[in-house]
Structures are given as C-alpha cells and as structure tokens.
Amino acid sequence: MTLEEYRQQLDEALEKLDWQNPGSRESDAHKVLEAASVDKSLSLDEWMRLYERYRKAVKKL
C-alpha cells in the first residue's frame, strides 16, 4: 500500500476513536499503524508521519 492509502485509512479510523480510551491498541487506528509498520514499501520517515498524525489526533481527545 502507499502512504496516501494508509493516510486515508488512518483518517477514517481516527474519526471512530473512542473518546474514553483513544490510545487503545484495539482501535482500528492503531491496527492501521501496525500494518504500516511492517510494510516494507514505506520508509521510516513515511511511517513517522503517520504516527505523528495518530498521536496528534489522540491528544485532541
């Protein structure tokens, strides 16, 4: 998958985050990050951009 595809999936999952436990490892957003972390087509820098997007969304809640 490409960075844009992961970003789109992550954005969709972030909209559904549970406000009581936004950092849960069981959330769809966390699962997207896990999948991206093992995807060899993404560079570390690209993954870090996804992670920062996730972290900022969790902090807002």
PDB file of N, CA and C in Angstrom:
ATOM      1  N   MET A   1       0.833  -1.176   0.000  1.00  0.00           N
ATOM      2  CA  MET A   1       0.000   0.000   0.000  1.00  0.00           C
ATOM      3  C   MET A   1       0.879   1.241   0.000  1.00  0.00           C
ATOM      4  N   THR A   2       0.332   2.336  -0.455  1.00  0.00           N
ATOM      5  CA  THR A   2       1.087   3.583  -0.495  1.00  0.00           C
ATOM      6  C   THR A   2       0.796   4.411   0.752  1.00  0.00           C
ATOM      7  N   LEU A   3       1.593   5.437   0.924  1.00  0.00           N
ATOM      8  CA  LEU A   3       1.414   6.337   2.065  1.00  0.00           C
ATOM      9  C   LEU A   3       0.028   6.976   2.026  1.00  0.00           C
ATOM     10  N   GLU A   4      -0.423   7.380   0.867  1.00  0.00           N
ATOM     11  CA  GLU A   4      -1.751   8.000   0.741  1.00  0.00           C
ATOM     12  C   GLU A   4      -2.865   7.035   1.138  1.00  0.00           C
ATOM     13  N   GLU A   5      -2.746   5.785   0.760  1.00  0.00           N
ATOM     14  CA  GLU A   5      -3.749   4.790   1.128  1.00  0.00           C
ATOM     15  C   GLU A   5      -3.776   4.579   2.634  1.00  0.00           C
ATOM     16  N   TYR A   6      -2.603   4.494   3.245  1.00  0.00           N
ATOM     17  CA  TYR A   6      -2.536   4.363   4.704  1.00  0.00           C
ATOM     18  C   TYR A   6      -3.102   5.615   5.376  1.00  0.00           C
ATOM     19  N   ARG A   7      -2.775   6.780   4.846  1.00  0.00           N
ATOM     20  CA  ARG A   7      -3.264   8.032   5.424  1.00  0.00           C
ATOM     21  C   ARG A   7      -4.794   8.078   5.371  1.00  0.00           C
ATOM     22  N   GLN A   8      -5.360   7.655   4.266  1.00  0.00           N
ATOM     23  CA  GLN A   8      -6.815   7.645   4.122  1.00  0.00           C
ATOM     24  C   GLN A   8      -7.447   6.678   5.126  1.00  0.00           C
ATOM     25  N   GLN A   9      -6.886   5.479   5.240  1.00  0.00           N
ATOM     26  CA  GLN A   9      -7.415   4.502   6.201  1.00  0.00           C
ATOM     27  C   GLN A   9      -7.279   5.021   7.631  1.00  0.00           C
ATOM     28  N   LEU A  10      -6.148   5.649   7.922  1.00  0.00           N
ATOM     29  CA  LEU A  10      -5.910   6.174   9.262  1.00  0.00           C
ATOM     30  C   LEU A  10      -6.907   7.285   9.581  1.00  0.00           C
ATOM     31  N   ASP A  11      -7.149   8.179   8.640  1.00  0.00           N
ATOM     32  CA  ASP A  11      -8.107   9.258   8.867  1.00  0.00           C
ATOM     33  C   ASP A  11      -9.502   8.714   9.140  1.00  0.00           C
ATOM     34  N   GLU A  12      -9.906   7.709   8.403  1.00  0.00           N
ATOM     35  CA  GLU A  12     -11.222   7.091   8.631  1.00  0.00           C
ATOM     36  C   GLU A  12     -11.286   6.460  10.023  1.00  0.00           C
ATOM     37  N   ALA A  13     -10.211   5.785  10.408  1.00  0.00           N
ATOM     38  CA  ALA A  13     -10.178   5.129  11.718  1.00  0.00           C
ATOM     39  C   ALA A  13     -10.118   6.153  12.851  1.00  0.00           C
ATOM     40  N   LEU A  14      -9.445   7.272  12.623  1.00  0.00           N
ATOM     41  CA  LEU A  14      -9.338   8.296  13.661  1.00  0.00           C
ATOM     42  C   LEU A  14     -10.686   8.935  13.952  1.00  0.00           C
ATOM     43  N   GLU A  15     -11.553   8.989  12.966  1.00  0.00           N
ATOM     44  CA  GLU A  15     -12.892   9.544  13.181  1.00  0.00           C
ATOM     45  C   GLU A  15     -13.714   8.672  14.133  1.00  0.00           C
ATOM     46  N   LYS A  16     -13.359   7.398  14.226  1.00  0.00           N
ATOM     47  CA  LYS A  16     -14.118   6.451  15.041  1.00  0.00           C
ATOM     48  C   LYS A  16     -13.474   6.179  16.407  1.00  0.00           C
ATOM     49  N   LEU A  17     -12.425   6.921  16.746  1.00  0.00           N
ATOM     50  CA  LEU A  17     -11.740   6.672  18.020  1.00  0.00           C
ATOM     51  C   LEU A  17     -12.677   6.843  19.206  1.00  0.00           C
ATOM     52  N   ASP A  18     -12.510   5.979  20.167  1.00  0.00           N
ATOM     53  CA  ASP A  18     -13.275   6.044  21.407  1.00  0.00           C
ATOM     54  C   ASP A  18     -12.708   7.169  22.263  1.00  0.00           C
ATOM     55  N   TRP A  19     -13.519   8.144  22.600  1.00  0.00           N
ATOM     56  CA  TRP A  19     -13.034   9.296  23.357  1.00  0.00           C
ATOM     57  C   TRP A  19     -12.617   8.919  24.772  1.00  0.00           C
ATOM     58  N   GLN A  20     -13.099   7.795  25.298  1.00  0.00           N
ATOM     59  CA  GLN A  20     -12.718   7.379  26.648  1.00  0.00           C
ATOM     60  C   GLN A  20     -11.364   6.681  26.669  1.00  0.00           C
ATOM     61  N   ASN A  21     -10.998   6.054  25.574  1.00  0.00           N
ATOM     62  CA  ASN A  21      -9.726   5.345  25.511  1.00  0.00           C
ATOM     63  C   ASN A  21      -9.141   5.487  24.103  1.00  0.00           C
ATOM     64  N   PRO A  22      -8.723   6.699  23.721  1.00  0.00           N
ATOM     65  CA  PRO A  22      -8.290   6.927  22.341  1.00  0.00           C
ATOM     66  C   PRO A  22      -6.992   6.207  21.959  1.00  0.00           C
ATOM     67  N   GLY A  23      -6.139   5.896  22.910  1.00  0.00           N
ATOM     68  CA  GLY A  23      -4.869   5.256  22.617  1.00  0.00           C
ATOM     69  C   GLY A  23      -4.903   3.740  22.682  1.00  0.00           C
ATOM     70  N   SER A  24      -6.084   3.160  22.678  1.00  0.00           N
ATOM     71  CA  SER A  24      -6.230   1.712  22.807  1.00  0.00           C
ATOM     72  C   SER A  24      -5.547   0.968  21.656  1.00  0.00           C
ATOM     73  N   ARG A  25      -4.892  -0.113  22.004  1.00  0.00           N
ATOM     74  CA  ARG A  25      -4.245  -0.950  20.985  1.00  0.00           C
ATOM     75  C   ARG A  25      -5.261  -1.742  20.176  1.00  0.00           C
ATOM     76  N   GLU A  26      -6.499  -1.759  20.637  1.00  0.00           N
ATOM     77  CA  GLU A  26      -7.565  -2.482  19.940  1.00  0.00           C
ATOM     78  C   GLU A  26      -8.285  -1.598  18.909  1.00  0.00           C
ATOM     79  N   SER A  27      -7.934  -0.318  18.854  1.00  0.00           N
ATOM     80  CA  SER A  27      -8.611   0.593  17.930  1.00  0.00           C
ATOM     81  C   SER A  27      -8.181   0.312  16.485  1.00  0.00           C
ATOM     82  N   ASP A  28      -9.051   0.663  15.565  1.00  0.00           N
ATOM     83  CA  ASP A  28      -8.739   0.494  14.146  1.00  0.00           C
ATOM     84  C   ASP A  28      -7.548   1.353  13.733  1.00  0.00           C
ATOM     85  N   ALA A  29      -7.429   2.543  14.330  1.00  0.00           N
ATOM     86  CA  ALA A  29      -6.317   3.430  14.001  1.00  0.00           C
ATOM     87  C   ALA A  29      -4.979   2.785  14.379  1.00  0.00           C
ATOM     88  N   HIS A  30      -4.942   2.161  15.532  1.00  0.00           N
ATOM     89  CA  HIS A  30      -3.705   1.503  15.967  1.00  0.00           C
ATOM     90  C   HIS A  30      -3.384   0.320  15.051  1.00  0.00           C
ATOM     91  N   LYS A  31      -4.404  -0.376  14.601  1.00  0.00           N
ATOM     92  CA  LYS A  31      -4.193  -1.509  13.697  1.00  0.00           C
ATOM     93  C   LYS A  31      -3.650  -1.058  12.349  1.00  0.00           C
ATOM     94  N   VAL A  32      -4.079   0.110  11.879  1.00  0.00           N
ATOM     95  CA  VAL A  32      -3.541   0.664  10.627  1.00  0.00           C
ATOM     96  C   VAL A  32      -2.059   0.973  10.808  1.00  0.00           C
ATOM     97  N   LEU A  33      -1.698   1.549  11.948  1.00  0.00           N
ATOM     98  CA  LEU A  33      -0.287   1.837  12.230  1.00  0.00           C
ATOM     99  C   LEU A  33       0.541   0.558  12.291  1.00  0.00           C
ATOM    100  N   GLU A  34      -0.004  -0.476  12.907  1.00  0.00           N
ATOM    101  CA  GLU A  34       0.710  -1.754  12.974  1.00  0.00           C
ATOM    102  C   GLU A  34       0.962  -2.316  11.584  1.00  0.00           C
ATOM    103  N   ALA A  35      -0.055  -2.260  10.734  1.00  0.00           N
ATOM    104  CA  ALA A  35       0.096  -2.772   9.363  1.00  0.00           C
ATOM    105  C   ALA A  35       1.135  -1.962   8.605  1.00  0.00           C
ATOM    106  N   ALA A  36       1.117  -0.653   8.783  1.00  0.00           N
ATOM    107  CA  ALA A  36       2.085   0.205   8.098  1.00  0.00           C
ATOM    108  C   ALA A  36       3.505  -0.038   8.604  1.00  0.00           C
ATOM    109  N   SER A  37       3.642  -0.396   9.871  1.00  0.00           N
ATOM    110  CA  SER A  37       4.977  -0.589  10.443  1.00  0.00           C
ATOM    111  C   SER A  37       5.705  -1.796   9.859  1.00  0.00           C
ATOM    112  N   VAL A  38       4.978  -2.774   9.387  1.00  0.00           N
ATOM    113  CA  VAL A  38       5.618  -3.957   8.809  1.00  0.00           C
ATOM    114  C   VAL A  38       5.631  -3.934   7.282  1.00  0.00           C
ATOM    115  N   ASP A  39       5.044  -2.903   6.697  1.00  0.00           N
ATOM    116  CA  ASP A  39       5.010  -2.769   5.244  1.00  0.00           C
ATOM    117  C   ASP A  39       6.362  -2.255   4.757  1.00  0.00           C
ATOM    118  N   LYS A  40       7.058  -3.065   4.007  1.00  0.00           N
ATOM    119  CA  LYS A  40       8.412  -2.718   3.544  1.00  0.00           C
ATOM    120  C   LYS A  40       8.411  -1.632   2.469  1.00  0.00           C
ATOM    121  N   SER A  41       7.244  -1.322   1.896  1.00  0.00           N
ATOM    122  CA  SER A  41       7.200  -0.292   0.854  1.00  0.00           C
ATOM    123  C   SER A  41       7.211   1.115   1.440  1.00  0.00           C
ATOM    124  N   LEU A  42       6.973   1.245   2.747  1.00  0.00           N
ATOM    125  CA  LEU A  42       7.014   2.556   3.401  1.00  0.00           C
ATOM    126  C   LEU A  42       8.379   2.774   4.044  1.00  0.00           C
ATOM    127  N   SER A  43       8.860   3.988   3.921  1.00  0.00           N
ATOM    128  CA  SER A  43      10.113   4.327   4.596  1.00  0.00           C
ATOM    129  C   SER A  43       9.809   4.662   6.058  1.00  0.00           C
ATOM    130  N   LEU A  44      10.829   4.722   6.848  1.00  0.00           N
ATOM    131  CA  LEU A  44      10.663   5.081   8.252  1.00  0.00           C
ATOM    132  C   LEU A  44      10.092   6.488   8.382  1.00  0.00           C
ATOM    133  N   ASP A  45      10.536   7.393   7.538  1.00  0.00           N
ATOM    134  CA  ASP A  45      10.041   8.763   7.563  1.00  0.00           C
ATOM    135  C   ASP A  45       8.543   8.812   7.257  1.00  0.00           C
ATOM    136  N   GLU A  46       8.089   8.033   6.303  1.00  0.00           N
ATOM    137  CA  GLU A  46       6.667   7.991   5.966  1.00  0.00           C
ATOM    138  C   GLU A  46       5.852   7.430   7.128  1.00  0.00           C
ATOM    139  N   TRP A  47       6.379   6.380   7.754  1.00  0.00           N
ATOM    140  CA  TRP A  47       5.670   5.807   8.894  1.00  0.00           C
ATOM    141  C   TRP A  47       5.607   6.806  10.048  1.00  0.00           C
ATOM    142  N   MET A  48       6.675   7.529  10.258  1.00  0.00           N
ATOM    143  CA  MET A  48       6.694   8.526  11.329  1.00  0.00           C
ATOM    144  C   MET A  48       5.651   9.613  11.082  1.00  0.00           C
ATOM    145  N   ARG A  49       5.417   9.989   9.830  1.00  0.00           N
ATOM    146  CA  ARG A  49       4.384  10.974   9.522  1.00  0.00           C
ATOM    147  C   ARG A  49       3.002  10.434   9.901  1.00  0.00           C
ATOM    148  N   LEU A  50       2.768   9.154   9.614  1.00  0.00           N
ATOM    149  CA  LEU A  50       1.504   8.532  10.005  1.00  0.00           C
ATOM    150  C   LEU A  50       1.359   8.511  11.526  1.00  0.00           C
ATOM    151  N   TYR A  51       2.436   8.154  12.203  1.00  0.00           N
ATOM    152  CA  TYR A  51       2.414   8.085  13.657  1.00  0.00           C
ATOM    153  C   TYR A  51       2.133   9.449  14.276  1.00  0.00           C
ATOM    154  N   GLU A  52       2.756  10.503  13.749  1.00  0.00           N
ATOM    155  CA  GLU A  52       2.531  11.853  14.268  1.00  0.00           C
ATOM    156  C   GLU A  52       1.081  12.270  14.066  1.00  0.00           C
ATOM    157  N   ARG A  53       0.499  11.892  12.946  1.00  0.00           N
ATOM    158  CA  ARG A  53      -0.910  12.192  12.671  1.00  0.00           C
ATOM    159  C   ARG A  53      -1.795  11.492  13.715  1.00  0.00           C
ATOM    160  N   TYR A  54      -1.475  10.244  14.009  1.00  0.00           N
ATOM    161  CA  TYR A  54      -2.206   9.461  15.011  1.00  0.00           C
ATOM    162  C   TYR A  54      -2.054  10.084  16.398  1.00  0.00           C
ATOM    163  N   ARG A  55      -0.846  10.438  16.756  1.00  0.00           N
ATOM    164  CA  ARG A  55      -0.555  10.981  18.080  1.00  0.00           C
ATOM    165  C   ARG A  55      -1.284  12.308  18.303  1.00  0.00           C
ATOM    166  N   LYS A  56      -1.300  13.163  17.299  1.00  0.00           N
ATOM    167  CA  LYS A  56      -1.989  14.445  17.427  1.00  0.00           C
ATOM    168  C   LYS A  56      -3.496  14.242  17.592  1.00  0.00           C
ATOM    169  N   ALA A  57      -4.063  13.281  16.880  1.00  0.00           N
ATOM    170  CA  ALA A  57      -5.499  13.012  16.989  1.00  0.00           C
ATOM    171  C   ALA A  57      -5.847  12.471  18.378  1.00  0.00           C
ATOM    172  N   VAL A  58      -4.993  11.624  18.914  1.00  0.00           N
ATOM    173  CA  VAL A  58      -5.241  11.051  20.257  1.00  0.00           C
ATOM    174  C   VAL A  58      -5.141  12.154  21.315  1.00  0.00           C
ATOM    175  N   LYS A  59      -4.190  13.051  21.161  1.00  0.00           N
ATOM    176  CA  LYS A  59      -4.033  14.131  22.141  1.00  0.00           C
ATOM    177  C   LYS A  59      -5.226  15.075  22.132  1.00  0.00           C
ATOM    178  N   LYS A  60      -5.852  15.262  20.973  1.00  0.00           N
ATOM    179  CA  LYS A  60      -7.019  16.158  20.887  1.00  0.00           C
ATOM    180  C   LYS A  60      -8.191  15.622  21.704  1.00  0.00           C
ATOM    181  N   LEU A  61      -8.287  14.299  21.773  1.00  0.00           N
ATOM    182  CA  LEU A  61      -9.390  13.706  22.526  1.00  0.00           C
ATOM    183  C   LEU A  61      -9.039  13.727  23.984  1.00  0.00           C
TER     184      LEU A  61
END
